[in-house]
Every structure is written in C-alpha cells, then in structure tokens.
mmCIF file of all heavy atoms, coordinates in Angstrom:
data_MODEL
# 
_entry.id   MODEL 
# 
loop_
_atom_site.group_PDB 
_atom_site.id 
_atom_site.type_symbol 
_atom_site.label_atom_id 
_atom_site.label_alt_id 
_atom_site.label_comp_id 
_atom_site.label_asym_id 
_atom_site.label_entity_id 
_atom_site.label_seq_id 
_atom_site.pdbx_PDB_ins_code 
_atom_site.Cartn_x 
_atom_site.Cartn_y 
_atom_site.Cartn_z 
_atom_site.occupancy 
_atom_site.B_iso_or_equiv 
_atom_site.pdbx_formal_charge 
_atom_site.auth_seq_id 
_atom_site.auth_comp_id 
_atom_site.auth_asym_id 
_atom_site.auth_atom_id 
_atom_site.pdbx_PDB_model_num 
ATOM 1   N N   . GLY A 1 1  ? -6.174 -6.166  -9.409  1.00 0.00 ? 1  GLY A N   1 
ATOM 2   C CA  . GLY A 1 1  ? -4.963 -6.958  -9.336  1.00 0.00 ? 1  GLY A CA  1 
ATOM 3   C C   . GLY A 1 1  ? -4.104 -6.941  -10.524 1.00 0.00 ? 1  GLY A C   1 
ATOM 4   O O   . GLY A 1 1  ? -3.087 -7.718  -10.662 1.00 0.00 ? 1  GLY A O   1 
ATOM 5   N N   . LYS A 1 2  ? -4.483 -6.072  -11.489 1.00 0.00 ? 2  LYS A N   1 
ATOM 6   C CA  . LYS A 1 2  ? -3.680 -6.027  -12.771 1.00 0.00 ? 2  LYS A CA  1 
ATOM 7   C C   . LYS A 1 2  ? -2.361 -5.395  -12.488 1.00 0.00 ? 2  LYS A C   1 
ATOM 8   O O   . LYS A 1 2  ? -2.276 -4.227  -11.840 1.00 0.00 ? 2  LYS A O   1 
ATOM 9   C CB  . LYS A 1 2  ? -4.499 -5.212  -13.828 1.00 0.00 ? 2  LYS A CB  1 
ATOM 10  C CG  . LYS A 1 2  ? -3.817 -5.079  -15.134 1.00 0.00 ? 2  LYS A CG  1 
ATOM 11  C CD  . LYS A 1 2  ? -4.595 -4.367  -16.146 1.00 0.00 ? 2  LYS A CD  1 
ATOM 12  C CE  . LYS A 1 2  ? -3.918 -4.172  -17.498 1.00 0.00 ? 2  LYS A CE  1 
ATOM 13  N NZ  . LYS A 1 2  ? -4.736 -3.401  -18.487 1.00 0.00 ? 2  LYS A NZ  1 
ATOM 14  N N   . ILE A 1 3  ? -1.389 -5.961  -13.147 1.00 0.00 ? 3  ILE A N   1 
ATOM 15  C CA  . ILE A 1 3  ? 0.003  -5.386  -13.070 1.00 0.00 ? 3  ILE A CA  1 
ATOM 16  C C   . ILE A 1 3  ? 0.165  -4.264  -14.141 1.00 0.00 ? 3  ILE A C   1 
ATOM 17  O O   . ILE A 1 3  ? -0.086 -4.574  -15.326 1.00 0.00 ? 3  ILE A O   1 
ATOM 18  C CB  . ILE A 1 3  ? 1.122  -6.440  -13.240 1.00 0.00 ? 3  ILE A CB  1 
ATOM 19  C CG1 . ILE A 1 3  ? 1.019  -7.464  -12.066 1.00 0.00 ? 3  ILE A CG1 1 
ATOM 20  C CG2 . ILE A 1 3  ? 2.449  -5.908  -13.312 1.00 0.00 ? 3  ILE A CG2 1 
ATOM 21  C CD1 . ILE A 1 3  ? 1.933  -8.638  -12.218 1.00 0.00 ? 3  ILE A CD1 1 
ATOM 22  N N   . LYS A 1 4  ? 0.605  -3.007  -13.677 1.00 0.00 ? 4  LYS A N   1 
ATOM 23  C CA  . LYS A 1 4  ? 0.567  -1.878  -14.627 1.00 0.00 ? 4  LYS A CA  1 
ATOM 24  C C   . LYS A 1 4  ? 1.943  -1.552  -15.172 1.00 0.00 ? 4  LYS A C   1 
ATOM 25  O O   . LYS A 1 4  ? 2.082  -0.740  -16.108 1.00 0.00 ? 4  LYS A O   1 
ATOM 26  C CB  . LYS A 1 4  ? -0.001 -0.687  -13.913 1.00 0.00 ? 4  LYS A CB  1 
ATOM 27  C CG  . LYS A 1 4  ? -1.372 -0.963  -13.351 1.00 0.00 ? 4  LYS A CG  1 
ATOM 28  C CD  . LYS A 1 4  ? -2.068 0.244   -12.614 1.00 0.00 ? 4  LYS A CD  1 
ATOM 29  C CE  . LYS A 1 4  ? -2.508 1.322   -13.629 1.00 0.00 ? 4  LYS A CE  1 
ATOM 30  N NZ  . LYS A 1 4  ? -3.253 2.357   -12.983 1.00 0.00 ? 4  LYS A NZ  1 
ATOM 31  N N   . THR A 1 5  ? 3.044  -2.153  -14.581 1.00 0.00 ? 5  THR A N   1 
ATOM 32  C CA  . THR A 1 5  ? 4.387  -1.959  -15.130 1.00 0.00 ? 5  THR A CA  1 
ATOM 33  C C   . THR A 1 5  ? 5.106  -3.238  -15.018 1.00 0.00 ? 5  THR A C   1 
ATOM 34  O O   . THR A 1 5  ? 4.769  -4.137  -14.109 1.00 0.00 ? 5  THR A O   1 
ATOM 35  C CB  . THR A 1 5  ? 5.113  -0.893  -14.370 1.00 0.00 ? 5  THR A CB  1 
ATOM 36  O OG1 . THR A 1 5  ? 5.258  -1.237  -12.967 1.00 0.00 ? 5  THR A OG1 1 
ATOM 37  C CG2 . THR A 1 5  ? 4.498  0.511   -14.425 1.00 0.00 ? 5  THR A CG2 1 
ATOM 38  N N   . GLU A 1 6  ? 6.080  -3.485  -15.802 1.00 0.00 ? 6  GLU A N   1 
ATOM 39  C CA  . GLU A 1 6  ? 6.898  -4.694  -15.719 1.00 0.00 ? 6  GLU A CA  1 
ATOM 40  C C   . GLU A 1 6  ? 7.666  -4.792  -14.401 1.00 0.00 ? 6  GLU A C   1 
ATOM 41  O O   . GLU A 1 6  ? 8.226  -3.783  -13.932 1.00 0.00 ? 6  GLU A O   1 
ATOM 42  C CB  . GLU A 1 6  ? 7.918  -4.756  -16.915 1.00 0.00 ? 6  GLU A CB  1 
ATOM 43  C CG  . GLU A 1 6  ? 7.339  -5.090  -18.214 1.00 0.00 ? 6  GLU A CG  1 
ATOM 44  C CD  . GLU A 1 6  ? 6.763  -6.538  -18.305 1.00 0.00 ? 6  GLU A CD  1 
ATOM 45  O OE1 . GLU A 1 6  ? 7.473  -7.452  -17.797 1.00 0.00 ? 6  GLU A OE1 1 
ATOM 46  O OE2 . GLU A 1 6  ? 5.670  -6.653  -18.791 1.00 0.00 ? 6  GLU A OE2 1 
ATOM 47  N N   . PRO A 1 7  ? 7.601  -5.949  -13.802 1.00 0.00 ? 7  PRO A N   1 
ATOM 48  C CA  . PRO A 1 7  ? 8.339  -6.079  -12.541 1.00 0.00 ? 7  PRO A CA  1 
ATOM 49  C C   . PRO A 1 7  ? 9.852  -5.852  -12.713 1.00 0.00 ? 7  PRO A C   1 
ATOM 50  O O   . PRO A 1 7  ? 10.448 -6.252  -13.722 1.00 0.00 ? 7  PRO A O   1 
ATOM 51  C CB  . PRO A 1 7  ? 8.170  -7.561  -12.154 1.00 0.00 ? 7  PRO A CB  1 
ATOM 52  C CG  . PRO A 1 7  ? 6.831  -8.001  -12.844 1.00 0.00 ? 7  PRO A CG  1 
ATOM 53  C CD  . PRO A 1 7  ? 6.837  -7.192  -14.168 1.00 0.00 ? 7  PRO A CD  1 
ATOM 54  N N   . LYS A 1 8  ? 10.371 -4.990  -11.877 1.00 0.00 ? 8  LYS A N   1 
ATOM 55  C CA  . LYS A 1 8  ? 11.813 -4.640  -11.865 1.00 0.00 ? 8  LYS A CA  1 
ATOM 56  C C   . LYS A 1 8  ? 12.501 -5.034  -10.670 1.00 0.00 ? 8  LYS A C   1 
ATOM 57  O O   . LYS A 1 8  ? 11.997 -4.808  -9.488  1.00 0.00 ? 8  LYS A O   1 
ATOM 58  C CB  . LYS A 1 8  ? 11.907 -3.046  -12.152 1.00 0.00 ? 8  LYS A CB  1 
ATOM 59  C CG  . LYS A 1 8  ? 13.344 -2.560  -12.121 1.00 0.00 ? 8  LYS A CG  1 
ATOM 60  C CD  . LYS A 1 8  ? 13.463 -1.049  -12.225 1.00 0.00 ? 8  LYS A CD  1 
ATOM 61  C CE  . LYS A 1 8  ? 14.865 -0.614  -12.227 1.00 0.00 ? 8  LYS A CE  1 
ATOM 62  N NZ  . LYS A 1 8  ? 14.949 0.885   -12.160 1.00 0.00 ? 8  LYS A NZ  1 
ATOM 63  N N   . MET A 1 9  ? 13.670 -5.599  -10.738 1.00 0.00 ? 9  MET A N   1 
ATOM 64  C CA  . MET A 1 9  ? 14.502 -5.924  -9.529  1.00 0.00 ? 9  MET A CA  1 
ATOM 65  C C   . MET A 1 9  ? 15.163 -4.730  -9.054  1.00 0.00 ? 9  MET A C   1 
ATOM 66  O O   . MET A 1 9  ? 15.885 -4.114  -9.857  1.00 0.00 ? 9  MET A O   1 
ATOM 67  C CB  . MET A 1 9  ? 15.466 -7.146  -9.808  1.00 0.00 ? 9  MET A CB  1 
ATOM 68  C CG  . MET A 1 9  ? 16.022 -7.653  -8.559  1.00 0.00 ? 9  MET A CG  1 
ATOM 69  S SD  . MET A 1 9  ? 16.896 -9.172  -8.732  1.00 0.00 ? 9  MET A SD  1 
ATOM 70  C CE  . MET A 1 9  ? 18.580 -8.488  -9.016  1.00 0.00 ? 9  MET A CE  1 
ATOM 71  N N   . ILE A 1 10 ? 15.001 -4.375  -7.847  1.00 0.00 ? 10 ILE A N   1 
ATOM 72  C CA  . ILE A 1 10 ? 15.586 -3.098  -7.281  1.00 0.00 ? 10 ILE A CA  1 
ATOM 73  C C   . ILE A 1 10 ? 16.650 -3.303  -6.324  1.00 0.00 ? 10 ILE A C   1 
ATOM 74  O O   . ILE A 1 10 ? 17.425 -2.344  -5.963  1.00 0.00 ? 10 ILE A O   1 
ATOM 75  C CB  . ILE A 1 10 ? 14.422 -2.181  -6.793  1.00 0.00 ? 10 ILE A CB  1 
ATOM 76  C CG1 . ILE A 1 10 ? 13.571 -2.925  -5.660  1.00 0.00 ? 10 ILE A CG1 1 
ATOM 77  C CG2 . ILE A 1 10 ? 13.524 -1.636  -7.850  1.00 0.00 ? 10 ILE A CG2 1 
ATOM 78  C CD1 . ILE A 1 10 ? 12.648 -2.055  -4.989  1.00 0.00 ? 10 ILE A CD1 1 
ATOM 79  N N   . TRP A 1 11 ? 16.755 -4.493  -5.692  1.00 0.00 ? 11 TRP A N   1 
ATOM 80  C CA  . TRP A 1 11 ? 17.895 -4.656  -4.703  1.00 0.00 ? 11 TRP A CA  1 
ATOM 81  C C   . TRP A 1 11 ? 17.975 -6.209  -4.480  1.00 0.00 ? 11 TRP A C   1 
ATOM 82  O O   . TRP A 1 11 ? 17.018 -6.921  -4.381  1.00 0.00 ? 11 TRP A O   1 
ATOM 83  C CB  . TRP A 1 11 ? 17.552 -4.007  -3.374  1.00 0.00 ? 11 TRP A CB  1 
ATOM 84  C CG  . TRP A 1 11 ? 18.697 -3.801  -2.513  1.00 0.00 ? 11 TRP A CG  1 
ATOM 85  C CD1 . TRP A 1 11 ? 20.005 -3.708  -2.903  1.00 0.00 ? 11 TRP A CD1 1 
ATOM 86  C CD2 . TRP A 1 11 ? 18.739 -3.722  -1.098  1.00 0.00 ? 11 TRP A CD2 1 
ATOM 87  N NE1 . TRP A 1 11 ? 20.855 -3.544  -1.774  1.00 0.00 ? 11 TRP A NE1 1 
ATOM 88  C CE2 . TRP A 1 11 ? 20.087 -3.534  -0.684  1.00 0.00 ? 11 TRP A CE2 1 
ATOM 89  C CE3 . TRP A 1 11 ? 17.755 -3.741  -0.085  1.00 0.00 ? 11 TRP A CE3 1 
ATOM 90  C CZ2 . TRP A 1 11 ? 20.449 -3.405  0.610   1.00 0.00 ? 11 TRP A CZ2 1 
ATOM 91  C CZ3 . TRP A 1 11 ? 18.117 -3.597  1.225   1.00 0.00 ? 11 TRP A CZ3 1 
ATOM 92  C CH2 . TRP A 1 11 ? 19.432 -3.436  1.555   1.00 0.00 ? 11 TRP A CH2 1 
ATOM 93  N N   . SER A 1 12 ? 19.264 -6.592  -4.429  1.00 0.00 ? 12 SER A N   1 
ATOM 94  C CA  . SER A 1 12 ? 19.563 -8.020  -4.165  1.00 0.00 ? 12 SER A CA  1 
ATOM 95  C C   . SER A 1 12 ? 20.088 -8.165  -2.733  1.00 0.00 ? 12 SER A C   1 
ATOM 96  O O   . SER A 1 12 ? 20.503 -9.189  -2.292  1.00 0.00 ? 12 SER A O   1 
ATOM 97  C CB  . SER A 1 12 ? 20.596 -8.573  -5.087  1.00 0.00 ? 12 SER A CB  1 
ATOM 98  O OG  . SER A 1 12 ? 21.833 -7.794  -5.103  1.00 0.00 ? 12 SER A OG  1 
ATOM 99  N N   . GLY A 1 13 ? 19.986 -7.039  -1.889  1.00 0.00 ? 13 GLY A N   1 
ATOM 100 C CA  . GLY A 1 13 ? 20.430 -7.081  -0.508  1.00 0.00 ? 13 GLY A CA  1 
ATOM 101 C C   . GLY A 1 13 ? 21.958 -7.121  -0.364  1.00 0.00 ? 13 GLY A C   1 
ATOM 102 O O   . GLY A 1 13 ? 22.669 -6.741  -1.297  1.00 0.00 ? 13 GLY A O   1 
ATOM 103 N N   . THR A 1 14 ? 22.355 -7.408  0.822   1.00 0.00 ? 14 THR A N   1 
ATOM 104 C CA  . THR A 1 14 ? 23.780 -7.345  1.095   1.00 0.00 ? 14 THR A CA  1 
ATOM 105 C C   . THR A 1 14 ? 24.317 -8.772  1.305   1.00 0.00 ? 14 THR A C   1 
ATOM 106 O O   . THR A 1 14 ? 25.527 -8.947  1.533   1.00 0.00 ? 14 THR A O   1 
ATOM 107 C CB  . THR A 1 14 ? 24.005 -6.563  2.476   1.00 0.00 ? 14 THR A CB  1 
ATOM 108 O OG1 . THR A 1 14 ? 23.486 -7.257  3.584   1.00 0.00 ? 14 THR A OG1 1 
ATOM 109 C CG2 . THR A 1 14 ? 23.434 -5.220  2.306   1.00 0.00 ? 14 THR A CG2 1 
ATOM 110 N N   . GLY A 1 15 ? 23.432 -9.787  1.339   1.00 0.00 ? 15 GLY A N   1 
ATOM 111 C CA  . GLY A 1 15 ? 23.911 -11.187 1.560   1.00 0.00 ? 15 GLY A CA  1 
ATOM 112 C C   . GLY A 1 15 ? 23.017 -12.089 0.951   1.00 0.00 ? 15 GLY A C   1 
ATOM 113 O O   . GLY A 1 15 ? 22.526 -11.952 -0.196  1.00 0.00 ? 15 GLY A O   1 
ATOM 114 N N   . ALA A 1 16 ? 22.686 -13.259 1.614   1.00 0.00 ? 16 ALA A N   1 
ATOM 115 C CA  . ALA A 1 16 ? 21.834 -14.382 1.043   1.00 0.00 ? 16 ALA A CA  1 
ATOM 116 C C   . ALA A 1 16 ? 20.411 -14.182 1.335   1.00 0.00 ? 16 ALA A C   1 
ATOM 117 O O   . ALA A 1 16 ? 20.011 -13.633 2.338   1.00 0.00 ? 16 ALA A O   1 
ATOM 118 C CB  . ALA A 1 16 ? 22.304 -15.613 1.547   1.00 0.00 ? 16 ALA A CB  1 
ATOM 119 N N   . TYR A 1 17 ? 19.531 -14.654 0.461   1.00 0.00 ? 17 TYR A N   1 
ATOM 120 C CA  . TYR A 1 17 ? 18.061 -14.834 0.565   1.00 0.00 ? 17 TYR A CA  1 
ATOM 121 C C   . TYR A 1 17 ? 17.474 -13.430 0.934   1.00 0.00 ? 17 TYR A C   1 
ATOM 122 O O   . TYR A 1 17 ? 16.763 -13.276 2.003   1.00 0.00 ? 17 TYR A O   1 
ATOM 123 C CB  . TYR A 1 17 ? 17.771 -15.746 1.702   1.00 0.00 ? 17 TYR A CB  1 
ATOM 124 C CG  . TYR A 1 17 ? 18.430 -17.042 1.558   1.00 0.00 ? 17 TYR A CG  1 
ATOM 125 C CD1 . TYR A 1 17 ? 19.365 -17.531 2.525   1.00 0.00 ? 17 TYR A CD1 1 
ATOM 126 C CD2 . TYR A 1 17 ? 18.279 -17.909 0.423   1.00 0.00 ? 17 TYR A CD2 1 
ATOM 127 C CE1 . TYR A 1 17 ? 20.064 -18.671 2.376   1.00 0.00 ? 17 TYR A CE1 1 
ATOM 128 C CE2 . TYR A 1 17 ? 19.056 -19.107 0.287   1.00 0.00 ? 17 TYR A CE2 1 
ATOM 129 C CZ  . TYR A 1 17 ? 19.887 -19.488 1.172   1.00 0.00 ? 17 TYR A CZ  1 
ATOM 130 O OH  . TYR A 1 17 ? 20.544 -20.737 1.073   1.00 0.00 ? 17 TYR A OH  1 
ATOM 131 N N   . PRO A 1 18 ? 17.525 -12.450 0.106   1.00 0.00 ? 18 PRO A N   1 
ATOM 132 C CA  . PRO A 1 18 ? 16.739 -11.244 0.235   1.00 0.00 ? 18 PRO A CA  1 
ATOM 133 C C   . PRO A 1 18 ? 15.314 -11.443 0.131   1.00 0.00 ? 18 PRO A C   1 
ATOM 134 O O   . PRO A 1 18 ? 14.837 -12.082 -0.853  1.00 0.00 ? 18 PRO A O   1 
ATOM 135 C CB  . PRO A 1 18 ? 17.306 -10.326 -0.835  1.00 0.00 ? 18 PRO A CB  1 
ATOM 136 C CG  . PRO A 1 18 ? 17.698 -11.245 -1.883  1.00 0.00 ? 18 PRO A CG  1 
ATOM 137 C CD  . PRO A 1 18 ? 18.385 -12.400 -1.169  1.00 0.00 ? 18 PRO A CD  1 
ATOM 138 N N   . GLU A 1 19 ? 14.561 -10.902 1.129   1.00 0.00 ? 19 GLU A N   1 
ATOM 139 C CA  . GLU A 1 19 ? 13.018 -11.305 1.183   1.00 0.00 ? 19 GLU A CA  1 
ATOM 140 C C   . GLU A 1 19 ? 12.371 -10.309 2.062   1.00 0.00 ? 19 GLU A C   1 
ATOM 141 O O   . GLU A 1 19 ? 13.009 -9.341  2.564   1.00 0.00 ? 19 GLU A O   1 
ATOM 142 C CB  . GLU A 1 19 ? 12.775 -12.755 1.617   1.00 0.00 ? 19 GLU A CB  1 
ATOM 143 C CG  . GLU A 1 19 ? 13.326 -13.020 3.024   1.00 0.00 ? 19 GLU A CG  1 
ATOM 144 C CD  . GLU A 1 19 ? 13.204 -14.430 3.331   1.00 0.00 ? 19 GLU A CD  1 
ATOM 145 O OE1 . GLU A 1 19 ? 12.977 -15.326 2.454   1.00 0.00 ? 19 GLU A OE1 1 
ATOM 146 O OE2 . GLU A 1 19 ? 13.430 -14.784 4.542   1.00 0.00 ? 19 GLU A OE2 1 
ATOM 147 N N   . ALA A 1 20 ? 11.056 -10.429 2.142   1.00 0.00 ? 20 ALA A N   1 
ATOM 148 C CA  . ALA A 1 20 ? 10.211 -9.631  3.138   1.00 0.00 ? 20 ALA A CA  1 
ATOM 149 C C   . ALA A 1 20 ? 10.405 -8.156  2.848   1.00 0.00 ? 20 ALA A C   1 
ATOM 150 O O   . ALA A 1 20 ? 10.649 -7.431  3.775   1.00 0.00 ? 20 ALA A O   1 
ATOM 151 C CB  . ALA A 1 20 ? 10.540 -10.027 4.527   1.00 0.00 ? 20 ALA A CB  1 
ATOM 152 N N   . PRO A 1 21 ? 10.247 -7.625  1.624   1.00 0.00 ? 21 PRO A N   1 
ATOM 153 C CA  . PRO A 1 21 ? 10.448 -6.175  1.421   1.00 0.00 ? 21 PRO A CA  1 
ATOM 154 C C   . PRO A 1 21 ? 9.283  -5.350  1.883   1.00 0.00 ? 21 PRO A C   1 
ATOM 155 O O   . PRO A 1 21 ? 8.093  -5.714  1.740   1.00 0.00 ? 21 PRO A O   1 
ATOM 156 C CB  . PRO A 1 21 ? 10.647 -6.116  -0.088  1.00 0.00 ? 21 PRO A CB  1 
ATOM 157 C CG  . PRO A 1 21 ? 9.769  -7.235  -0.632  1.00 0.00 ? 21 PRO A CG  1 
ATOM 158 C CD  . PRO A 1 21 ? 9.859  -8.358  0.428   1.00 0.00 ? 21 PRO A CD  1 
ATOM 159 N N   . HIS A 1 22 ? 9.535  -4.205  2.522   1.00 0.00 ? 22 HIS A N   1 
ATOM 160 C CA  . HIS A 1 22 ? 8.557  -3.205  2.767   1.00 0.00 ? 22 HIS A CA  1 
ATOM 161 C C   . HIS A 1 22 ? 9.169  -1.816  2.367   1.00 0.00 ? 22 HIS A C   1 
ATOM 162 O O   . HIS A 1 22 ? 10.295 -1.524  2.713   1.00 0.00 ? 22 HIS A O   1 
ATOM 163 C CB  . HIS A 1 22 ? 8.188  -3.148  4.223   1.00 0.00 ? 22 HIS A CB  1 
ATOM 164 C CG  . HIS A 1 22 ? 7.553  -4.361  4.747   1.00 0.00 ? 22 HIS A CG  1 
ATOM 165 N ND1 . HIS A 1 22 ? 6.364  -4.959  4.224   1.00 0.00 ? 22 HIS A ND1 1 
ATOM 166 C CD2 . HIS A 1 22 ? 7.860  -5.141  5.840   1.00 0.00 ? 22 HIS A CD2 1 
ATOM 167 C CE1 . HIS A 1 22 ? 5.997  -5.981  4.938   1.00 0.00 ? 22 HIS A CE1 1 
ATOM 168 N NE2 . HIS A 1 22 ? 6.897  -6.127  5.870   1.00 0.00 ? 22 HIS A NE2 1 
ATOM 169 N N   . ILE A 1 23 ? 8.351  -1.021  1.666   1.00 0.00 ? 23 ILE A N   1 
ATOM 170 C CA  . ILE A 1 23 ? 8.823  0.378   1.304   1.00 0.00 ? 23 ILE A CA  1 
ATOM 171 C C   . ILE A 1 23 ? 8.088  1.319   2.133   1.00 0.00 ? 23 ILE A C   1 
ATOM 172 O O   . ILE A 1 23 ? 6.827  1.299   2.383   1.00 0.00 ? 23 ILE A O   1 
ATOM 173 C CB  . ILE A 1 23 ? 8.528  0.585   -0.230  1.00 0.00 ? 23 ILE A CB  1 
ATOM 174 C CG1 . ILE A 1 23 ? 9.520  -0.259  -1.018  1.00 0.00 ? 23 ILE A CG1 1 
ATOM 175 C CG2 . ILE A 1 23 ? 8.611  2.022   -0.496  1.00 0.00 ? 23 ILE A CG2 1 
ATOM 176 C CD1 . ILE A 1 23 ? 9.360  -0.033  -2.486  1.00 0.00 ? 23 ILE A CD1 1 
ATOM 177 N N   . TYR A 1 24 ? 8.743  2.451   2.533   1.00 0.00 ? 24 TYR A N   1 
ATOM 178 C CA  . TYR A 1 24 ? 8.186  3.502   3.287   1.00 0.00 ? 24 TYR A CA  1 
ATOM 179 C C   . TYR A 1 24 ? 8.755  4.793   2.720   1.00 0.00 ? 24 TYR A C   1 
ATOM 180 O O   . TYR A 1 24 ? 9.884  4.964   2.242   1.00 0.00 ? 24 TYR A O   1 
ATOM 181 C CB  . TYR A 1 24 ? 8.630  3.440   4.789   1.00 0.00 ? 24 TYR A CB  1 
ATOM 182 C CG  . TYR A 1 24 ? 8.536  2.111   5.418   1.00 0.00 ? 24 TYR A CG  1 
ATOM 183 C CD1 . TYR A 1 24 ? 9.731  1.316   5.365   1.00 0.00 ? 24 TYR A CD1 1 
ATOM 184 C CD2 . TYR A 1 24 ? 7.380  1.631   6.055   1.00 0.00 ? 24 TYR A CD2 1 
ATOM 185 C CE1 . TYR A 1 24 ? 9.679  0.016   5.843   1.00 0.00 ? 24 TYR A CE1 1 
ATOM 186 C CE2 . TYR A 1 24 ? 7.433  0.384   6.667   1.00 0.00 ? 24 TYR A CE2 1 
ATOM 187 C CZ  . TYR A 1 24 ? 8.562  -0.417  6.582   1.00 0.00 ? 24 TYR A CZ  1 
ATOM 188 O OH  . TYR A 1 24 ? 8.515  -1.689  7.127   1.00 0.00 ? 24 TYR A OH  1 
ATOM 189 N N   . LYS A 1 25 ? 7.942  5.924   2.638   1.00 0.00 ? 25 LYS A N   1 
ATOM 190 C CA  . LYS A 1 25 ? 8.336  7.186   2.219   1.00 0.00 ? 25 LYS A CA  1 
ATOM 191 C C   . LYS A 1 25 ? 8.506  8.114   3.421   1.00 0.00 ? 25 LYS A C   1 
ATOM 192 O O   . LYS A 1 25 ? 7.449  8.374   4.107   1.00 0.00 ? 25 LYS A O   1 
ATOM 193 C CB  . LYS A 1 25 ? 7.386  7.780   1.189   1.00 0.00 ? 25 LYS A CB  1 
ATOM 194 C CG  . LYS A 1 25 ? 7.955  9.020   0.519   1.00 0.00 ? 25 LYS A CG  1 
ATOM 195 C CD  . LYS A 1 25 ? 7.048  9.464   -0.666  1.00 0.00 ? 25 LYS A CD  1 
ATOM 196 C CE  . LYS A 1 25 ? 7.685  10.512  -1.520  1.00 0.00 ? 25 LYS A CE  1 
ATOM 197 N NZ  . LYS A 1 25 ? 6.739  10.923  -2.649  1.00 0.00 ? 25 LYS A NZ  1 
ATOM 198 N N   . ILE A 1 26 ? 9.774  8.473   3.677   1.00 0.00 ? 26 ILE A N   1 
ATOM 199 C CA  . ILE A 1 26 ? 10.037 9.270   4.903   1.00 0.00 ? 26 ILE A CA  1 
ATOM 200 C C   . ILE A 1 26 ? 10.920 10.457  4.508   1.00 0.00 ? 26 ILE A C   1 
ATOM 201 O O   . ILE A 1 26 ? 11.993 10.253  3.873   1.00 0.00 ? 26 ILE A O   1 
ATOM 202 C CB  . ILE A 1 26 ? 10.785 8.382   5.882   1.00 0.00 ? 26 ILE A CB  1 
ATOM 203 C CG1 . ILE A 1 26 ? 9.915  7.096   6.278   1.00 0.00 ? 26 ILE A CG1 1 
ATOM 204 C CG2 . ILE A 1 26 ? 11.052 9.167   7.238   1.00 0.00 ? 26 ILE A CG2 1 
ATOM 205 C CD1 . ILE A 1 26 ? 10.710 6.057   7.168   1.00 0.00 ? 26 ILE A CD1 1 
# 
C-alpha cells in the first residue's frame, strides 16, 4: 500500500464534481 510517487492531478474534467476515474490502455 506504499505510495511510490507524489500524487499528481491529471484532469479536472469538463464540468463539476469530477470523480470515479478509471484508466485503460488501448
């Protein structure tokens, strides 16, 4: 459970309340 890099904000979305992120490599 150890964090290996500093948390970085990568997107604030297009509107209000960005949440529920999932990343996929396609």
